[in-house]
């Protein structure tokens, strides 16, 4: 294993410390228990809190700031955060207009956020994100997994909360966006968890994992690698089938296309995937009107990528376009 690391047990603590020092005007970090909060605490609005296992950066800690999350609770690598982290963060933040827990659909995350929701005295609701088109159940969850579409939901709800949306409105819009998007990923290599010191799974030099999870869990199938346009065809077919199953109309629709890297794939390849996907969608009379390309929901050092389509309406577009200022996502400010 080759990584920039001191001691395995200090890996996340030192990373969070670096985040705080790199962005002192945007976030504050508490290390025991671990949480990241906005520097300009905005507790007179609905407070958005999310989190999950580390290793997916910049999700979620990199999206704390104006127009996005208020609090992120990182667990250890690929390990759910604990309720005491969430409770301590909320006590530090002191919400006055209620709390929305934004939770990716993984069994540990769901359980621990549910416990925190029951323990806190603040009014709260929970949004479960399950945008993965690949598999219904996996080794980490019952039901579809929450993956890169989380970034879109956190951005859209971040602006709604920032501009005065109440708790019910935030939950309702979050459910609508969650239903309007779908994600499919492919891995070219495994990732290596620092504590394990070796790849999570073995995969041949000429193989890919179609529908891989963001922890390296299996997808739909293992197959021989093929040209990028053929892999993109498979990904978009799966996404559109998933949206159809959710009764989302895609013909003549306007969409946001997110091409997300798992951290080990060059940006040049991600833009190549965007080019191929754009041609594919144009042929299907689906118009890309918003886009995002880069590493936003990663899997440590895995090579691979996912595509996310979000079918847009004017409300979702307006919230997406609104200003945001976080360590990892910023525009309009």
Protein backbone atom coordinates (compact mmCIF):
# COMPACT_ATOMS: atom_id res chain seq x y z
CA UNK A 1 0.00 0.00 0.00
CA UNK A 2 1.36 3.41 -0.99
CA UNK A 3 -0.44 6.35 0.60
CA UNK A 4 0.46 9.65 2.21
CA UNK A 5 -0.18 8.56 5.77
CA UNK A 6 1.36 8.71 9.23
CA UNK A 7 -0.56 6.39 11.54
CA UNK A 8 -3.67 4.60 10.29
CA UNK A 9 -5.64 5.56 13.41
CA UNK A 10 -4.84 9.26 12.87
CA UNK A 11 -5.67 9.34 9.15
CA UNK A 12 -9.14 10.92 9.36
CA UNK A 13 -8.27 13.22 12.27
CA UNK A 14 -5.31 14.67 10.41
CA UNK A 15 -7.34 15.00 7.23
CA UNK A 16 -10.09 16.91 9.03
CA UNK A 17 -7.51 19.11 10.72
CA UNK A 18 -6.12 19.93 7.29
CA UNK A 19 -9.61 20.78 6.01
CA UNK A 20 -10.14 23.23 8.85
CA UNK A 21 -6.77 24.92 8.33
CA UNK A 22 -7.23 25.14 4.56
CA UNK A 23 -10.69 26.74 4.80
CA UNK A 24 -10.77 28.68 8.09
CA UNK A 25 -13.29 31.18 6.73
CA UNK A 26 -15.77 28.46 5.76
CA UNK A 27 -15.76 25.64 8.31
CA UNK A 28 -14.94 24.73 11.87
CA UNK A 29 -13.92 21.20 12.81
CA UNK A 30 -14.39 19.36 16.08
CA UNK A 31 -12.28 16.23 16.46
CA UNK A 32 -13.81 14.54 19.52
CA UNK A 33 -16.46 13.69 18.55
CA UNK A 34 -15.83 14.39 14.88
CA UNK A 35 -18.01 16.91 13.05
CA UNK A 36 -17.67 19.81 10.61
CA UNK A 37 -19.91 22.88 10.90
CA UNK A 38 -20.29 26.18 9.08
CA UNK A 39 -18.07 28.96 10.34
CA UNK A 40 -20.92 31.45 9.86
CA UNK A 41 -23.48 29.53 11.93
CA UNK A 42 -26.94 30.05 10.43
CA UNK A 43 -29.22 28.51 13.05
CA UNK A 44 -32.27 30.68 12.30
CA UNK A 45 -33.13 28.52 9.29
CA UNK A 46 -33.67 24.80 8.73
CA UNK A 47 -30.35 23.15 9.53
CA UNK A 48 -29.16 20.51 7.05
CA UNK A 49 -27.01 17.75 8.53
CA UNK A 50 -25.53 14.82 6.67
CA UNK A 51 -22.62 12.45 6.98
CA UNK A 52 -21.33 8.98 6.37
CA UNK A 53 -18.15 6.99 6.29
CA UNK A 54 -15.00 8.83 5.27
CA UNK A 55 -13.35 7.92 1.99
CA UNK A 56 -15.96 9.64 -0.21
CA UNK A 57 -14.50 13.15 0.01
CA UNK A 58 -15.47 15.81 -0.75
CA UNK A 59 -18.81 14.25 0.27
CA UNK A 60 -19.91 15.37 2.87
CA UNK A 61 -17.44 17.55 4.75
CA UNK A 62 -16.41 19.44 1.62
CA UNK A 63 -19.99 20.60 1.07
CA UNK A 64 -20.43 22.46 4.36
CA UNK A 65 -21.00 26.18 3.89
CA UNK A 66 -23.30 28.82 2.47
CA UNK A 67 -26.01 27.35 0.26
CA UNK A 68 -25.35 23.72 1.07
CA UNK A 69 -24.86 21.74 4.31
CA UNK A 70 -24.65 23.22 7.79
CA UNK A 71 -23.16 20.15 9.46
CA UNK A 72 -21.33 17.02 8.29
CA UNK A 73 -20.52 14.08 10.54
CA UNK A 74 -17.76 11.87 9.11
CA UNK A 75 -17.24 8.33 10.34
CA UNK A 76 -14.03 6.41 9.98
CA UNK A 77 -13.26 5.06 6.51
CA UNK A 78 -16.39 3.38 5.11
CA UNK A 79 -17.87 3.33 8.63
CA UNK A 80 -21.04 5.13 9.65
CA UNK A 81 -20.85 8.11 12.00
CA UNK A 82 -22.30 7.58 15.47
CA UNK A 83 -25.31 9.32 17.04
CA UNK A 84 -23.14 11.11 19.61
CA UNK A 85 -21.38 12.95 16.78
CA UNK A 86 -24.70 14.23 15.43
CA UNK A 87 -26.04 15.19 18.85
CA UNK A 88 -22.85 17.07 19.78
CA UNK A 89 -22.87 18.94 16.46
CA UNK A 90 -26.50 19.96 16.87
CA UNK A 91 -25.88 21.17 20.41
CA UNK A 92 -23.01 23.28 19.10
CA UNK A 93 -25.20 24.66 16.30
CA UNK A 94 -28.42 25.25 18.30
CA UNK A 95 -30.99 25.06 15.45
CA UNK A 96 -34.05 27.25 15.84
CA UNK A 97 -36.09 26.23 12.78
CA UNK A 98 -35.71 22.48 12.82
CA UNK A 99 -33.29 19.92 11.41
CA UNK A 100 -33.30 17.85 8.23
CA UNK A 101 -31.16 14.72 8.37
CA UNK A 102 -29.94 13.84 4.85
CA UNK A 103 -29.04 10.15 4.90
CA UNK A 104 -27.62 7.91 2.20
CA UNK A 105 -29.38 4.56 2.23
CA UNK A 106 -26.85 2.35 3.99
CA UNK A 107 -27.94 0.25 6.94
CA UNK A 108 -25.47 1.71 9.44
CA UNK A 109 -26.12 5.30 8.38
CA UNK A 110 -29.90 4.87 8.52
CA UNK A 111 -29.78 3.23 11.96
CA UNK A 112 -27.46 5.79 13.55
CA UNK A 113 -29.22 8.81 12.09
CA UNK A 114 -32.56 7.37 13.29
CA UNK A 115 -31.15 7.06 16.80
CA UNK A 116 -29.88 10.65 16.67
CA UNK A 117 -33.28 11.85 15.42
CA UNK A 118 -34.95 10.15 18.39
CA UNK A 119 -32.41 11.49 20.89
CA UNK A 120 -32.36 15.14 19.88
CA UNK A 121 -34.85 17.60 21.31
CA UNK A 122 -34.91 19.63 18.10
CA UNK A 123 -37.76 19.23 15.64
CA UNK A 124 -36.48 17.06 12.82
CA UNK A 125 -37.28 15.02 9.75
CA UNK A 126 -35.17 12.58 7.71
CA UNK A 127 -34.60 12.24 3.98
CA UNK A 128 -33.28 8.89 2.74
CA UNK A 129 -31.37 9.04 -0.55
CA UNK A 130 -31.45 5.95 -2.80
CA UNK A 131 -30.43 7.02 -6.30
CA UNK A 132 -28.34 3.98 -7.30
CA UNK A 133 -29.79 2.21 -10.35
CA UNK A 134 -27.44 -0.77 -10.18
CA UNK A 135 -28.84 -3.14 -7.56
CA UNK A 136 -31.86 -3.39 -5.29
CA UNK A 137 -30.02 -4.75 -2.25
CA UNK A 138 -26.31 -4.91 -1.42
CA UNK A 139 -23.97 -6.00 1.34
CA UNK A 140 -24.29 -2.54 2.88
CA UNK A 141 -28.02 -1.89 2.65
CA UNK A 142 -31.60 -3.00 2.15
CA UNK A 143 -32.95 -1.23 -0.91
CA UNK A 144 -31.15 0.95 -3.43
CA UNK A 145 -27.93 2.63 -2.29
CA UNK A 146 -27.41 6.36 -1.92
CA UNK A 147 -24.56 7.51 -4.14
CA UNK A 148 -23.49 10.55 -6.21
CA UNK A 149 -26.99 12.01 -6.56
CA UNK A 150 -26.54 13.04 -2.94
CA UNK A 151 -24.48 16.02 -4.14
CA UNK A 152 -27.36 17.34 -6.23
CA UNK A 153 -29.84 16.95 -3.39
CA UNK A 154 -27.57 18.68 -0.88
CA UNK A 155 -27.04 21.61 -3.25
CA UNK A 156 -30.72 22.05 -4.12
CA UNK A 157 -31.93 21.75 -0.53
CA UNK A 158 -29.07 23.91 0.68
CA UNK A 159 -30.40 26.86 -1.26
CA UNK A 160 -34.03 26.22 -0.29
CA UNK A 161 -33.06 26.22 3.37
CA UNK A 162 -30.79 29.25 2.88
CA UNK A 163 -33.67 31.24 1.37
CA UNK A 164 -36.21 30.46 4.08
CA UNK A 165 -37.79 27.15 3.17
CA UNK A 166 -39.38 25.43 6.16
CA UNK A 167 -38.78 21.85 7.29
CA UNK A 168 -41.74 20.36 5.44
CA UNK A 169 -40.81 22.20 2.24
CA UNK A 170 -37.21 20.97 2.44
CA UNK A 171 -38.30 17.38 2.97
CA UNK A 172 -40.86 17.54 0.17
CA UNK A 173 -38.43 18.98 -2.37
CA UNK A 174 -35.75 16.52 -1.29
CA UNK A 175 -38.08 13.59 -1.90
CA UNK A 176 -39.01 14.98 -5.30
CA UNK A 177 -35.39 15.46 -6.38
CA UNK A 178 -34.45 12.01 -5.07
CA UNK A 179 -37.18 10.53 -7.26
CA UNK A 180 -36.10 12.59 -10.29
CA UNK A 181 -32.51 11.35 -10.38
CA UNK A 182 -30.64 8.11 -10.90
CA UNK A 183 -27.00 7.02 -10.88
CA UNK A 184 -24.95 4.20 -12.37
CA UNK A 185 -21.23 3.55 -11.86
CA UNK A 186 -18.43 1.39 -13.23
CA UNK A 187 -15.15 0.53 -11.48
CA UNK A 188 -11.90 -0.12 -13.33
CA UNK A 189 -9.93 -0.97 -10.19
CA UNK A 190 -10.51 -1.66 -6.52
CA UNK A 191 -9.93 0.82 -3.72
CA UNK A 192 -7.59 0.26 -0.78
CA UNK A 193 -8.84 0.96 2.75
CA UNK A 194 -5.86 2.22 4.82
CA UNK A 195 -6.59 -0.08 7.76
CA UNK A 196 -6.71 -3.11 5.45
CA UNK A 197 -3.60 -2.19 3.49
CA UNK A 198 -4.67 -4.15 0.41
CA UNK A 199 -7.27 -3.82 -2.36
CA UNK A 200 -10.86 -4.46 -1.28
CA UNK A 201 -11.48 -6.81 -4.20
CA UNK A 202 -9.51 -8.44 -6.98
CA UNK A 203 -10.26 -7.48 -10.56
CA UNK A 204 -8.40 -8.38 -13.71
CA UNK A 205 -6.53 -5.83 -15.78
CA UNK A 206 -9.05 -6.43 -18.59
CA UNK A 207 -12.17 -6.41 -16.37
CA UNK A 208 -14.64 -3.83 -15.00
CA UNK A 209 -17.27 -4.02 -12.27
CA UNK A 210 -20.56 -2.74 -13.68
CA UNK A 211 -22.75 -1.09 -11.05
CA UNK A 212 -20.08 -1.02 -8.35
CA UNK A 213 -20.93 0.54 -4.99
CA UNK A 214 -18.95 3.44 -3.54
CA UNK A 215 -17.39 1.14 -0.94
CA UNK A 216 -16.25 -1.32 -3.58
CA UNK A 217 -19.20 -3.64 -3.05
CA UNK A 218 -20.28 -5.74 -6.07
CA UNK A 219 -22.51 -4.37 -8.78
CA UNK A 220 -24.60 -6.09 -11.43
CA UNK A 221 -21.84 -8.05 -13.14
CA UNK A 222 -18.15 -8.38 -13.85
CA UNK A 223 -17.27 -8.15 -17.54
CA UNK A 224 -14.42 -7.50 -19.96
CA UNK A 225 -13.56 -3.84 -20.49
CA UNK A 226 -14.85 -2.34 -23.73
CA UNK A 227 -14.90 1.01 -25.50
CA UNK A 228 -16.13 3.95 -23.46
CA UNK A 229 -19.13 4.60 -25.68
CA UNK A 230 -20.39 1.05 -25.08
CA UNK A 231 -19.95 1.37 -21.30
CA UNK A 232 -21.78 4.70 -21.33
CA UNK A 233 -24.60 3.10 -23.34
CA UNK A 234 -25.00 0.50 -20.60
CA UNK A 235 -24.95 3.13 -17.85
CA UNK A 236 -27.53 5.36 -19.50
CA UNK A 237 -29.77 2.39 -20.34
CA UNK A 238 -29.76 1.44 -16.64
CA UNK A 239 -30.44 5.01 -15.51
CA UNK A 240 -33.34 5.53 -17.91
CA UNK A 241 -34.84 2.17 -16.97
CA UNK A 242 -34.64 3.18 -13.30
CA UNK A 243 -36.28 6.55 -13.98
CA UNK A 244 -39.02 4.85 -16.00
CA UNK A 245 -39.66 2.52 -13.09
CA UNK A 246 -40.11 5.61 -10.91
CA UNK A 247 -42.55 7.09 -13.48
CA UNK A 248 -40.21 9.94 -14.34
CA UNK A 249 -40.72 11.29 -17.87
CA UNK A 250 -37.45 11.62 -19.77
CA UNK A 251 -38.58 12.13 -23.37
CA UNK A 252 -37.88 15.74 -24.45
CA UNK A 253 -36.78 16.48 -20.89
CA UNK A 254 -34.13 18.85 -19.56
CA UNK A 255 -31.55 17.24 -17.32
CA UNK A 256 -28.52 17.87 -15.18
CA UNK A 257 -25.71 15.45 -16.03
CA UNK A 258 -23.17 14.74 -13.29
CA UNK A 259 -20.08 12.80 -14.36
CA UNK A 260 -18.52 11.80 -11.07
CA UNK A 261 -15.06 10.31 -10.63
CA UNK A 262 -14.18 7.80 -7.92
CA UNK A 263 -10.83 9.64 -7.39
CA UNK A 264 -8.51 7.42 -9.45
CA UNK A 265 -9.63 8.46 -12.94
CA UNK A 266 -8.11 11.49 -14.74
CA UNK A 267 -10.32 14.46 -15.45
CA UNK A 268 -9.58 14.04 -19.17
CA UNK A 269 -11.35 10.67 -19.06
CA UNK A 270 -14.29 12.12 -17.16
CA UNK A 271 -14.75 14.77 -19.84
CA UNK A 272 -14.52 12.04 -22.47
CA UNK A 273 -17.37 10.27 -20.69
CA UNK A 274 -19.35 13.51 -20.70
CA UNK A 275 -18.83 13.87 -24.45
CA UNK A 276 -20.02 10.33 -25.09
CA UNK A 277 -23.00 10.73 -22.75
CA UNK A 278 -23.99 14.03 -24.35
CA UNK A 279 -24.12 12.42 -27.80
CA UNK A 280 -26.08 9.48 -26.41
CA UNK A 281 -28.66 11.69 -24.68
CA UNK A 282 -29.05 14.00 -27.69
CA UNK A 283 -29.95 10.98 -29.81
CA UNK A 284 -32.68 10.18 -27.26
CA UNK A 285 -34.09 13.75 -27.33
CA UNK A 286 -32.85 14.46 -23.81
CA UNK A 287 -31.34 17.91 -23.39
CA UNK A 288 -28.44 18.58 -21.01
CA UNK A 289 -28.95 22.08 -19.61
CA UNK A 290 -26.84 21.82 -16.45
CA UNK A 291 -23.65 19.86 -15.82
CA UNK A 292 -21.01 18.98 -13.27
CA UNK A 293 -17.81 17.01 -13.93
CA UNK A 294 -15.23 15.97 -11.35
CA UNK A 295 -14.57 13.99 -8.18
CA UNK A 296 -17.53 14.67 -5.87
CA UNK A 297 -18.48 11.29 -4.39
CA UNK A 298 -15.33 9.21 -4.36
CA UNK A 299 -14.24 5.76 -3.21
CA UNK A 300 -10.75 6.44 -1.83
CA UNK A 301 -8.37 5.68 -4.72
CA UNK A 302 -10.68 3.67 -6.96
CA UNK A 303 -10.45 4.20 -10.71
CA UNK A 304 -13.90 4.48 -12.24
CA UNK A 305 -16.81 6.84 -12.64
CA UNK A 306 -20.55 7.21 -12.32
CA UNK A 307 -23.15 9.06 -14.33
CA UNK A 308 -26.10 10.76 -12.67
CA UNK A 309 -29.10 12.17 -14.50
CA UNK A 310 -31.48 14.52 -12.71
CA UNK A 311 -34.63 15.51 -14.59
CA UNK A 312 -35.13 19.22 -14.01
CA UNK A 313 -37.96 21.66 -13.58
CA UNK A 314 -37.72 25.41 -13.00
CA UNK A 315 -37.67 25.11 -9.21
CA UNK A 316 -34.84 22.58 -9.15
CA UNK A 317 -32.87 24.59 -11.74
CA UNK A 318 -33.22 27.80 -9.77
CA UNK A 319 -31.94 26.20 -6.56
CA UNK A 320 -29.09 24.52 -8.44
CA UNK A 321 -28.03 27.81 -10.05
CA UNK A 322 -28.11 29.77 -6.78
CA UNK A 323 -24.85 30.86 -5.11
CA UNK A 324 -22.91 28.31 -3.09
CA UNK A 325 -19.69 28.67 -1.11
CA UNK A 326 -18.14 25.53 0.35
CA UNK A 327 -14.64 24.06 0.30
CA UNK A 328 -15.46 21.80 -2.66
CA UNK A 329 -18.30 23.54 -4.52
CA UNK A 330 -18.59 27.25 -5.11
CA UNK A 331 -20.13 29.60 -7.65
CA UNK A 332 -22.05 32.86 -7.79
CA UNK A 333 -20.29 34.40 -4.78
